[in-house]
Amino acid sequence: MRTLVIIIVLALIVMIAKRLWQKPRPPANPGRQPGKMVQCANCGIYIPEQEALSRGDRFYCSQAHLDEDIHNTS
């Protein structure tokens, strides 16, 4: 029993030492700033504006939704 406690304590000391000596991790996306989110006029999902397709003041998540809206309004 005493041996088991010593092994657990040593394992904890090793884990703590590793965390203290590790270099800090850089941010996940250092140069990327969150952008404005827009809503797809067809399905309502929110997507980043720079990834969205637009027609006038309406935004779409895919070409299929853009085409579908064009057919519905024509």
PDB file of N, CA and C in Angstrom:
ATOM      1  N   MET A   1       0.828  -1.194   0.000  1.00  0.00           N
ATOM      2  CA  MET A   1       0.000   0.000   0.000  1.00  0.00           C
ATOM      3  C   MET A   1       0.871   1.255   0.000  1.00  0.00           C
ATOM      4  N   ARG A   2       1.918   1.195   0.815  1.00  0.00           N
ATOM      5  CA  ARG A   2       2.822   2.347   0.913  1.00  0.00           C
ATOM      6  C   ARG A   2       3.510   2.617  -0.422  1.00  0.00           C
ATOM      7  N   THR A   3       3.860   1.571  -1.135  1.00  0.00           N
ATOM      8  CA  THR A   3       4.511   1.694  -2.436  1.00  0.00           C
ATOM      9  C   THR A   3       3.573   2.359  -3.440  1.00  0.00           C
ATOM     10  N   LEU A   4       2.312   2.011  -3.400  1.00  0.00           N
ATOM     11  CA  LEU A   4       1.333   2.597  -4.305  1.00  0.00           C
ATOM     12  C   LEU A   4       1.193   4.101  -4.062  1.00  0.00           C
ATOM     13  N   VAL A   5       1.166   4.510  -2.836  1.00  0.00           N
ATOM     14  CA  VAL A   5       1.063   5.931  -2.499  1.00  0.00           C
ATOM     15  C   VAL A   5       2.311   6.671  -2.997  1.00  0.00           C
ATOM     16  N   ILE A   6       3.471   6.093  -2.837  1.00  0.00           N
ATOM     17  CA  ILE A   6       4.715   6.725  -3.296  1.00  0.00           C
ATOM     18  C   ILE A   6       4.699   6.863  -4.816  1.00  0.00           C
ATOM     19  N   ILE A   7       4.239   5.846  -5.525  1.00  0.00           N
ATOM     20  CA  ILE A   7       4.171   5.900  -6.995  1.00  0.00           C
ATOM     21  C   ILE A   7       3.210   7.003  -7.432  1.00  0.00           C
ATOM     22  N   ILE A   8       2.066   7.105  -6.793  1.00  0.00           N
ATOM     23  CA  ILE A   8       1.085   8.143  -7.147  1.00  0.00           C
ATOM     24  C   ILE A   8       1.660   9.533  -6.889  1.00  0.00           C
ATOM     25  N   VAL A   9       2.307   9.728  -5.763  1.00  0.00           N
ATOM     26  CA  VAL A   9       2.909  11.026  -5.440  1.00  0.00           C
ATOM     27  C   VAL A   9       3.996  11.377  -6.449  1.00  0.00           C
ATOM     28  N   LEU A  10       4.831  10.425  -6.807  1.00  0.00           N
ATOM     29  CA  LEU A  10       5.881  10.680  -7.796  1.00  0.00           C
ATOM     30  C   LEU A  10       5.277  11.018  -9.169  1.00  0.00           C
ATOM     31  N   ALA A  11       4.221  10.317  -9.544  1.00  0.00           N
ATOM     32  CA  ALA A  11       3.563  10.604 -10.827  1.00  0.00           C
ATOM     33  C   ALA A  11       2.994  12.026 -10.818  1.00  0.00           C
ATOM     34  N   LEU A  12       2.390  12.428  -9.730  1.00  0.00           N
ATOM     35  CA  LEU A  12       1.861  13.792  -9.624  1.00  0.00           C
ATOM     36  C   LEU A  12       2.975  14.834  -9.706  1.00  0.00           C
ATOM     37  N   ILE A  13       4.086  14.567  -9.052  1.00  0.00           N
ATOM     38  CA  ILE A  13       5.223  15.500  -9.094  1.00  0.00           C
ATOM     39  C   ILE A  13       5.750  15.624 -10.519  1.00  0.00           C
ATOM     40  N   VAL A  14       5.857  14.512 -11.232  1.00  0.00           N
ATOM     41  CA  VAL A  14       6.336  14.538 -12.611  1.00  0.00           C
ATOM     42  C   VAL A  14       5.364  15.321 -13.495  1.00  0.00           C
ATOM     43  N   MET A  15       4.060  15.100 -13.335  1.00  0.00           N
ATOM     44  CA  MET A  15       3.073  15.818 -14.148  1.00  0.00           C
ATOM     45  C   MET A  15       3.117  17.327 -13.872  1.00  0.00           C
ATOM     46  N   ILE A  16       3.236  17.700 -12.630  1.00  0.00           N
ATOM     47  CA  ILE A  16       3.305  19.134 -12.284  1.00  0.00           C
ATOM     48  C   ILE A  16       4.585  19.750 -12.833  1.00  0.00           C
ATOM     49  N   ALA A  17       5.707  19.038 -12.722  1.00  0.00           N
ATOM     50  CA  ALA A  17       6.976  19.549 -13.234  1.00  0.00           C
ATOM     51  C   ALA A  17       6.922  19.738 -14.743  1.00  0.00           C
ATOM     52  N   LYS A  18       6.299  18.808 -15.466  1.00  0.00           N
ATOM     53  CA  LYS A  18       6.171  18.938 -16.918  1.00  0.00           C
ATOM     54  C   LYS A  18       5.397  20.197 -17.288  1.00  0.00           C
ATOM     55  N   ARG A  19       4.307  20.439 -16.584  1.00  0.00           N
ATOM     56  CA  ARG A  19       3.503  21.630 -16.882  1.00  0.00           C
ATOM     57  C   ARG A  19       4.264  22.920 -16.591  1.00  0.00           C
ATOM     58  N   LEU A  20       5.062  22.916 -15.558  1.00  0.00           N
ATOM     59  CA  LEU A  20       5.818  24.122 -15.213  1.00  0.00           C
ATOM     60  C   LEU A  20       6.926  24.403 -16.222  1.00  0.00           C
ATOM     61  N   TRP A  21       7.538  23.355 -16.771  1.00  0.00           N
ATOM     62  CA  TRP A  21       8.655  23.545 -17.691  1.00  0.00           C
ATOM     63  C   TRP A  21       8.238  23.647 -19.147  1.00  0.00           C
ATOM     64  N   GLN A  22       6.982  23.384 -19.454  1.00  0.00           N
ATOM     65  CA  GLN A  22       6.527  23.498 -20.836  1.00  0.00           C
ATOM     66  C   GLN A  22       6.459  24.958 -21.251  1.00  0.00           C
ATOM     67  N   LYS A  23       6.751  25.190 -22.528  1.00  0.00           N
ATOM     68  CA  LYS A  23       6.605  26.532 -23.069  1.00  0.00           C
ATOM     69  C   LYS A  23       5.117  26.832 -23.214  1.00  0.00           C
ATOM     70  N   PRO A  24       4.722  28.079 -23.002  1.00  0.00           N
ATOM     71  CA  PRO A  24       3.302  28.399 -23.189  1.00  0.00           C
ATOM     72  C   PRO A  24       2.906  28.222 -24.648  1.00  0.00           C
ATOM     73  N   ARG A  25       1.719  27.726 -24.863  1.00  0.00           N
ATOM     74  CA  ARG A  25       1.224  27.493 -26.223  1.00  0.00           C
ATOM     75  C   ARG A  25       0.805  28.810 -26.846  1.00  0.00           C
ATOM     76  N   PRO A  26       1.114  28.982 -28.137  1.00  0.00           N
ATOM     77  CA  PRO A  26       0.645  30.185 -28.814  1.00  0.00           C
ATOM     78  C   PRO A  26      -0.868  30.120 -29.014  1.00  0.00           C
ATOM     79  N   PRO A  27      -1.512  31.257 -29.200  1.00  0.00           N
ATOM     80  CA  PRO A  27      -2.958  31.237 -29.445  1.00  0.00           C
ATOM     81  C   PRO A  27      -3.282  30.415 -30.687  1.00  0.00           C
ATOM     82  N   ALA A  28      -4.473  29.842 -30.731  1.00  0.00           N
ATOM     83  CA  ALA A  28      -4.869  28.953 -31.817  1.00  0.00           C
ATOM     84  C   ALA A  28      -4.770  29.629 -33.183  1.00  0.00           C
ATOM     85  N   ASN A  29      -5.333  30.817 -33.336  1.00  0.00           N
ATOM     86  CA  ASN A  29      -5.292  31.571 -34.584  1.00  0.00           C
ATOM     87  C   ASN A  29      -4.811  32.988 -34.269  1.00  0.00           C
ATOM     88  N   PRO A  30      -3.498  33.192 -34.165  1.00  0.00           N
ATOM     89  CA  PRO A  30      -3.006  34.484 -33.698  1.00  0.00           C
ATOM     90  C   PRO A  30      -3.353  35.672 -34.592  1.00  0.00           C
ATOM     91  N   GLY A  31      -3.381  35.499 -35.920  1.00  0.00           N
ATOM     92  CA  GLY A  31      -3.623  36.634 -36.803  1.00  0.00           C
ATOM     93  C   GLY A  31      -5.072  36.783 -37.218  1.00  0.00           C
ATOM     94  N   ARG A  32      -5.894  35.858 -36.832  1.00  0.00           N
ATOM     95  CA  ARG A  32      -7.277  35.862 -37.299  1.00  0.00           C
ATOM     96  C   ARG A  32      -8.190  36.509 -36.263  1.00  0.00           C
ATOM     97  N   GLN A  33      -8.858  37.550 -36.672  1.00  0.00           N
ATOM     98  CA  GLN A  33      -9.819  38.228 -35.812  1.00  0.00           C
ATOM     99  C   GLN A  33     -11.217  37.745 -36.174  1.00  0.00           C
ATOM    100  N   PRO A  34     -12.072  37.580 -35.186  1.00  0.00           N
ATOM    101  CA  PRO A  34     -13.427  37.165 -35.516  1.00  0.00           C
ATOM    102  C   PRO A  34     -14.134  38.242 -36.331  1.00  0.00           C
ATOM    103  N   GLY A  35     -14.823  37.823 -37.356  1.00  0.00           N
ATOM    104  CA  GLY A  35     -15.500  38.768 -38.232  1.00  0.00           C
ATOM    105  C   GLY A  35     -16.982  38.853 -37.927  1.00  0.00           C
ATOM    106  N   LYS A  36     -17.646  39.655 -38.715  1.00  0.00           N
ATOM    107  CA  LYS A  36     -19.077  39.832 -38.563  1.00  0.00           C
ATOM    108  C   LYS A  36     -19.789  38.562 -39.045  1.00  0.00           C
ATOM    109  N   MET A  37     -20.799  38.139 -38.301  1.00  0.00           N
ATOM    110  CA  MET A  37     -21.586  36.978 -38.673  1.00  0.00           C
ATOM    111  C   MET A  37     -22.861  37.452 -39.360  1.00  0.00           C
ATOM    112  N   VAL A  38     -23.230  36.750 -40.433  1.00  0.00           N
ATOM    113  CA  VAL A  38     -24.450  37.073 -41.171  1.00  0.00           C
ATOM    114  C   VAL A  38     -25.313  35.819 -41.254  1.00  0.00           C
ATOM    115  N   GLN A  39     -26.600  36.027 -41.477  1.00  0.00           N
ATOM    116  CA  GLN A  39     -27.542  34.920 -41.507  1.00  0.00           C
ATOM    117  C   GLN A  39     -27.926  34.592 -42.949  1.00  0.00           C
ATOM    118  N   CYS A  40     -27.941  33.301 -43.267  1.00  0.00           N
ATOM    119  CA  CYS A  40     -28.358  32.857 -44.596  1.00  0.00           C
ATOM    120  C   CYS A  40     -29.837  33.189 -44.763  1.00  0.00           C
ATOM    121  N   ALA A  41     -30.177  33.839 -45.866  1.00  0.00           N
ATOM    122  CA  ALA A  41     -31.560  34.231 -46.124  1.00  0.00           C
ATOM    123  C   ALA A  41     -32.451  33.019 -46.402  1.00  0.00           C
ATOM    124  N   ASN A  42     -31.855  31.877 -46.709  1.00  0.00           N
ATOM    125  CA  ASN A  42     -32.638  30.688 -47.035  1.00  0.00           C
ATOM    126  C   ASN A  42     -32.861  29.792 -45.815  1.00  0.00           C
ATOM    127  N   CYS A  43     -31.781  29.374 -45.163  1.00  0.00           N
ATOM    128  CA  CYS A  43     -31.917  28.397 -44.074  1.00  0.00           C
ATOM    129  C   CYS A  43     -31.764  29.009 -42.685  1.00  0.00           C
ATOM    130  N   GLY A  44     -31.227  30.216 -42.592  1.00  0.00           N
ATOM    131  CA  GLY A  44     -31.117  30.887 -41.302  1.00  0.00           C
ATOM    132  C   GLY A  44     -29.847  30.614 -40.530  1.00  0.00           C
ATOM    133  N   ILE A  45     -28.934  29.805 -41.073  1.00  0.00           N
ATOM    134  CA  ILE A  45     -27.685  29.514 -40.372  1.00  0.00           C
ATOM    135  C   ILE A  45     -26.794  30.755 -40.384  1.00  0.00           C
ATOM    136  N   TYR A  46     -26.005  30.953 -39.321  1.00  0.00           N
ATOM    137  CA  TYR A  46     -25.078  32.077 -39.254  1.00  0.00           C
ATOM    138  C   TYR A  46     -23.705  31.628 -39.731  1.00  0.00           C
ATOM    139  N   ILE A  47     -23.085  32.438 -40.576  1.00  0.00           N
ATOM    140  CA  ILE A  47     -21.763  32.164 -41.117  1.00  0.00           C
ATOM    141  C   ILE A  47     -20.956  33.454 -41.140  1.00  0.00           C
ATOM    142  N   PRO A  48     -19.621  33.362 -41.138  1.00  0.00           N
ATOM    143  CA  PRO A  48     -18.809  34.578 -41.240  1.00  0.00           C
ATOM    144  C   PRO A  48     -19.080  35.307 -42.554  1.00  0.00           C
ATOM    145  N   GLU A  49     -19.139  36.624 -42.494  1.00  0.00           N
ATOM    146  CA  GLU A  49     -19.465  37.417 -43.676  1.00  0.00           C
ATOM    147  C   GLU A  49     -18.493  37.169 -44.817  1.00  0.00           C
ATOM    148  N   GLN A  50     -17.203  36.974 -44.507  1.00  0.00           N
ATOM    149  CA  GLN A  50     -16.227  36.780 -45.569  1.00  0.00           C
ATOM    150  C   GLN A  50     -16.393  35.440 -46.272  1.00  0.00           C
ATOM    151  N   GLU A  51     -17.117  34.491 -45.679  1.00  0.00           N
ATOM    152  CA  GLU A  51     -17.359  33.195 -46.309  1.00  0.00           C
ATOM    153  C   GLU A  51     -18.719  33.136 -47.002  1.00  0.00           C
ATOM    154  N   ALA A  52     -19.564  34.125 -46.769  1.00  0.00           N
ATOM    155  CA  ALA A  52     -20.922  34.105 -47.298  1.00  0.00           C
ATOM    156  C   ALA A  52     -20.974  34.590 -48.741  1.00  0.00           C
ATOM    157  N   LEU A  53     -21.961  34.103 -49.467  1.00  0.00           N
ATOM    158  CA  LEU A  53     -22.255  34.604 -50.808  1.00  0.00           C
ATOM    159  C   LEU A  53     -23.342  35.652 -50.629  1.00  0.00           C
ATOM    160  N   SER A  54     -23.305  36.704 -51.436  1.00  0.00           N
ATOM    161  CA  SER A  54     -24.305  37.746 -51.253  1.00  0.00           C
ATOM    162  C   SER A  54     -24.952  38.122 -52.573  1.00  0.00           C
ATOM    163  N   ARG A  55     -26.161  38.583 -52.448  1.00  0.00           N
ATOM    164  CA  ARG A  55     -26.925  39.114 -53.579  1.00  0.00           C
ATOM    165  C   ARG A  55     -27.699  40.294 -53.026  1.00  0.00           C
ATOM    166  N   GLY A  56     -27.269  41.482 -53.390  1.00  0.00           N
ATOM    167  CA  GLY A  56     -27.865  42.683 -52.806  1.00  0.00           C
ATOM    168  C   GLY A  56     -27.503  42.748 -51.330  1.00  0.00           C
ATOM    169  N   ASP A  57     -28.509  42.891 -50.495  1.00  0.00           N
ATOM    170  CA  ASP A  57     -28.245  42.951 -49.057  1.00  0.00           C
ATOM    171  C   ASP A  57     -28.560  41.622 -48.365  1.00  0.00           C
ATOM    172  N   ARG A  58     -28.709  40.557 -49.138  1.00  0.00           N
ATOM    173  CA  ARG A  58     -29.007  39.228 -48.585  1.00  0.00           C
ATOM    174  C   ARG A  58     -27.771  38.336 -48.689  1.00  0.00           C
ATOM    175  N   PHE A  59     -27.576  37.487 -47.689  1.00  0.00           N
ATOM    176  CA  PHE A  59     -26.418  36.599 -47.632  1.00  0.00           C
ATOM    177  C   PHE A  59     -26.879  35.146 -47.668  1.00  0.00           C
ATOM    178  N   TYR A  60     -26.000  34.277 -48.208  1.00  0.00           N
ATOM    179  CA  TYR A  60     -26.316  32.864 -48.357  1.00  0.00           C
ATOM    180  C   TYR A  60     -25.113  32.024 -47.945  1.00  0.00           C
ATOM    181  N   CYS A  61     -25.395  30.824 -47.411  1.00  0.00           N
ATOM    182  CA  CYS A  61     -24.312  29.946 -46.956  1.00  0.00           C
ATOM    183  C   CYS A  61     -23.744  29.093 -48.080  1.00  0.00           C
ATOM    184  N   SER A  62     -24.477  28.956 -49.190  1.00  0.00           N
ATOM    185  CA  SER A  62     -23.994  28.127 -50.297  1.00  0.00           C
ATOM    186  C   SER A  62     -24.569  28.621 -51.618  1.00  0.00           C
ATOM    187  N   GLN A  63     -23.949  28.166 -52.695  1.00  0.00           N
ATOM    188  CA  GLN A  63     -24.421  28.530 -54.026  1.00  0.00           C
ATOM    189  C   GLN A  63     -25.817  27.961 -54.269  1.00  0.00           C
ATOM    190  N   ALA A  64     -26.087  26.784 -53.732  1.00  0.00           N
ATOM    191  CA  ALA A  64     -27.403  26.160 -53.903  1.00  0.00           C
ATOM    192  C   ALA A  64     -28.500  27.021 -53.276  1.00  0.00           C
ATOM    193  N   HIS A  65     -28.239  27.585 -52.102  1.00  0.00           N
ATOM    194  CA  HIS A  65     -29.239  28.435 -51.453  1.00  0.00           C
ATOM    195  C   HIS A  65     -29.408  29.752 -52.197  1.00  0.00           C
ATOM    196  N   LEU A  66     -28.334  30.283 -52.744  1.00  0.00           N
ATOM    197  CA  LEU A  66     -28.427  31.491 -53.551  1.00  0.00           C
ATOM    198  C   LEU A  66     -29.270  31.236 -54.791  1.00  0.00           C
ATOM    199  N   ASP A  67     -28.991  30.122 -55.492  1.00  0.00           N
ATOM    200  CA  ASP A  67     -29.747  29.768 -56.693  1.00  0.00           C
ATOM    201  C   ASP A  67     -31.226  29.509 -56.369  1.00  0.00           C
ATOM    202  N   GLU A  68     -31.468  28.842 -55.260  1.00  0.00           N
ATOM    203  CA  GLU A  68     -32.840  28.539 -54.846  1.00  0.00           C
ATOM    204  C   GLU A  68     -33.617  29.820 -54.588  1.00  0.00           C
ATOM    205  N   ASP A  69     -32.994  30.789 -53.953  1.00  0.00           N
ATOM    206  CA  ASP A  69     -33.659  32.057 -53.687  1.00  0.00           C
ATOM    207  C   ASP A  69     -33.913  32.826 -54.976  1.00  0.00           C
ATOM    208  N   ILE A  70     -32.977  32.747 -55.917  1.00  0.00           N
ATOM    209  CA  ILE A  70     -33.157  33.426 -57.209  1.00  0.00           C
ATOM    210  C   ILE A  70     -34.368  32.829 -57.926  1.00  0.00           C
ATOM    211  N   HIS A  71     -34.497  31.504 -57.891  1.00  0.00           N
ATOM    212  CA  HIS A  71     -35.622  30.841 -58.571  1.00  0.00           C
ATOM    213  C   HIS A  71     -36.949  31.152 -57.904  1.00  0.00           C
ATOM    214  N   ASN A  72     -36.936  31.306 -56.571  1.00  0.00           N
ATOM    215  CA  ASN A  72     -38.165  31.575 -55.827  1.00  0.00           C
ATOM    216  C   ASN A  72     -38.644  33.016 -56.027  1.00  0.00           C
ATOM    217  N   THR A  73     -37.719  33.955 -56.266  1.00  0.00           N
ATOM    218  CA  THR A  73     -38.103  35.349 -56.418  1.00  0.00           C
ATOM    219  C   THR A  73     -38.420  35.698 -57.871  1.00  0.00           C
ATOM    220  N   SER A  74     -38.020  34.842 -58.788  1.00  0.00           N
ATOM    221  CA  SER A  74     -38.258  35.126 -60.220  1.00  0.00           C
ATOM    222  C   SER A  74     -39.627  34.697 -60.650  1.00  0.00           C
TER     223      SER A  74
END
